[in-house]
Structure formats: C-alpha cells, structure tokens
Amino acid sequence: MEKAPSTRQLKVARELQKDLAEIIRSKGMASFGGAMVTVSEVRVSPDLSVAKVYVSIFPSDRQESVMETLRQNLRSYRGELGRIVAKQFRIVPELVLQLDTSLDYAEHIEELLKK
C-alpha cells in the first residue's frame, strides 16, 4: 500500500503544478495545434527528485500529437521551471509526463448512462 504524501510533497506538487501550467499556457494553444492543455495534477516522489505531471488534453483526438510535442519540449520546460523555482527548491525534479484520462472516462460513463 502506498504511503500518503507528506505535507511538503503536497506543497511542492502544488507549486510545480501552478508553475508548469503557467509555462505551458505561455506557449499558447497554437503550439499544440489548437488543443487545450491542462496540468491536472502533479505527484512528487518522497525524496522530491521525480514529479509525475498529469496533463489533460482537449479535444481528446489530439492527445497523441500533443503528448509528443510536450515530450519533445520537456527539457526546456524543466529549464524554465528551474529558473522559476531556483530560490525555493534545491533541485528541480525530473519531470515524467502522464496523460490524465479521467475526463475521457467520465465522458464514457456518461454515454453509458444515457443508453
């Protein structure tokens, strides 16, 4: 069973989520082919060295191409993040992208309930 995250992990995750969302927003929708990208959650490892970044992409038919664009630019995002949080964190966590499919799942359940 996974241990609940510490208060520090939660605070770091919230800060990273806010800053990453701003970095991605600043790139504009055009850089993602008109898709809307949202950083829905960030989970940080207990040693704060790895951050799993969950992104939600709308419309869902662009998920593959947008995830590829995000992965290609991950190093520059981490660099920008490092400049923003340099005074707050000793190390900038390694970023791992995950696709947040909870919206698709909710949509699927809604469709099933309509039948």
Protein backbone atom coordinates (compact mmCIF):
# COMPACT_ATOMS: atom_id res chain seq x y z
CA MET A 1 0.00 0.00 0.00
CA GLU A 2 1.29 3.44 -0.95
CA LYS A 3 2.05 5.87 1.85
CA ALA A 4 0.12 9.14 1.87
CA PRO A 5 2.16 12.10 0.60
CA SER A 6 3.73 14.37 3.22
CA THR A 7 2.72 18.00 3.64
CA ARG A 8 5.99 19.02 1.99
CA GLN A 9 5.32 16.76 -1.02
CA LEU A 10 1.86 18.29 -1.39
CA LYS A 11 3.17 21.86 -1.18
CA VAL A 12 5.93 21.17 -3.71
CA ALA A 13 3.44 19.43 -6.02
CA ARG A 14 1.03 22.39 -5.85
CA GLU A 15 3.82 24.87 -6.64
CA LEU A 16 5.08 22.75 -9.55
CA GLN A 17 1.55 22.37 -10.92
CA LYS A 18 0.96 26.13 -10.82
CA ASP A 19 4.32 26.95 -12.43
CA LEU A 20 4.12 24.24 -15.12
CA ALA A 21 0.59 25.28 -16.02
CA GLU A 22 1.84 28.84 -16.49
CA ILE A 23 4.81 27.68 -18.60
CA ILE A 24 2.57 25.58 -20.87
CA ARG A 25 -0.09 28.32 -21.06
CA SER A 26 2.56 30.82 -22.13
CA LYS A 27 3.36 28.66 -25.19
CA GLY A 28 -0.16 29.24 -26.48
CA MET A 29 -2.68 26.84 -27.98
CA ALA A 30 -1.15 27.29 -31.44
CA SER A 31 1.96 25.37 -30.41
CA PHE A 32 -0.30 22.41 -29.57
CA GLY A 33 -2.30 22.50 -32.80
CA GLY A 34 -5.18 24.39 -31.19
CA ALA A 35 -5.61 21.83 -28.41
CA MET A 36 -6.15 22.94 -24.82
CA VAL A 37 -3.59 21.52 -22.38
CA THR A 38 -4.24 21.50 -18.64
CA VAL A 39 -1.88 20.36 -15.90
CA SER A 40 -4.47 18.49 -13.86
CA GLU A 41 -2.22 17.08 -11.13
CA VAL A 42 1.39 16.73 -10.05
CA ARG A 43 2.63 13.98 -7.74
CA VAL A 44 6.09 14.25 -6.25
CA SER A 45 8.23 11.35 -5.02
CA PRO A 46 9.10 11.28 -1.27
CA ASP A 47 12.66 12.49 -1.98
CA LEU A 48 11.29 15.27 -4.25
CA SER A 49 13.50 14.14 -7.15
CA VAL A 50 10.74 12.99 -9.53
CA ALA A 51 7.46 14.72 -10.39
CA LYS A 52 4.73 12.90 -12.29
CA VAL A 53 2.88 15.54 -14.27
CA TYR A 54 -0.67 14.60 -15.31
CA VAL A 55 -1.91 16.54 -18.31
CA SER A 56 -5.42 16.68 -19.69
CA ILE A 57 -5.80 17.42 -23.40
CA PHE A 58 -8.94 18.62 -25.15
CA PRO A 59 -10.08 17.61 -27.72
CA SER A 60 -9.04 14.04 -27.00
CA ASP A 61 -8.42 13.20 -30.68
CA ARG A 62 -5.26 15.36 -30.50
CA GLN A 63 -3.81 13.62 -27.44
CA GLU A 64 -1.10 11.67 -29.31
CA SER A 65 0.36 14.65 -31.18
CA VAL A 66 0.17 16.99 -28.18
CA MET A 67 1.82 14.45 -25.87
CA GLU A 68 4.61 14.08 -28.43
CA THR A 69 5.08 17.86 -28.56
CA LEU A 70 5.14 18.04 -24.76
CA ARG A 71 7.69 15.21 -24.52
CA GLN A 72 9.94 16.87 -27.10
CA ASN A 73 9.92 20.11 -25.10
CA LEU A 74 10.17 18.56 -21.64
CA ARG A 75 13.81 19.58 -21.13
CA SER A 76 13.10 23.23 -21.92
CA TYR A 77 10.05 23.18 -19.60
CA ARG A 78 12.24 21.80 -16.82
CA GLY A 79 14.80 24.52 -17.53
CA GLU A 80 12.18 27.26 -17.30
CA LEU A 81 10.80 25.65 -14.16
CA GLY A 82 14.31 25.66 -12.70
CA ARG A 83 14.60 29.41 -13.24
CA ILE A 84 11.23 29.99 -11.57
CA VAL A 85 11.76 27.77 -8.50
CA ALA A 86 15.53 28.19 -8.10
CA LYS A 87 15.17 30.11 -4.84
CA GLN A 88 12.62 27.67 -3.40
CA PHE A 89 13.98 24.19 -4.21
CA ARG A 90 17.46 22.72 -4.00
CA ILE A 91 16.87 20.51 -7.02
CA VAL A 92 14.36 20.71 -9.83
CA PRO A 93 12.59 17.34 -10.02
CA GLU A 94 12.82 15.15 -13.09
CA LEU A 95 9.51 15.53 -14.96
CA VAL A 96 7.55 12.48 -16.09
CA LEU A 97 4.51 13.15 -18.28
CA GLN A 98 1.34 11.12 -17.85
CA LEU A 99 -1.88 11.54 -19.79
CA ASP A 100 -4.82 12.21 -17.49
CA THR A 101 -7.71 10.23 -18.95
CA SER A 102 -10.23 10.95 -16.20
CA LEU A 103 -12.23 13.30 -18.48
CA ASP A 104 -12.46 10.61 -21.17
CA TYR A 105 -13.50 8.09 -18.54
CA ALA A 106 -16.22 10.41 -17.19
CA GLU A 107 -17.45 11.05 -20.74
CA HIS A 108 -17.57 7.30 -21.40
CA ILE A 109 -19.57 6.66 -18.20
CA GLU A 110 -21.97 9.47 -19.14
CA GLU A 111 -22.53 7.89 -22.56
CA LEU A 112 -23.23 4.51 -20.95
CA LEU A 113 -25.72 6.04 -18.54
CA LYS A 114 -27.65 7.71 -21.39
CA LYS A 115 -28.36 4.34 -23.03
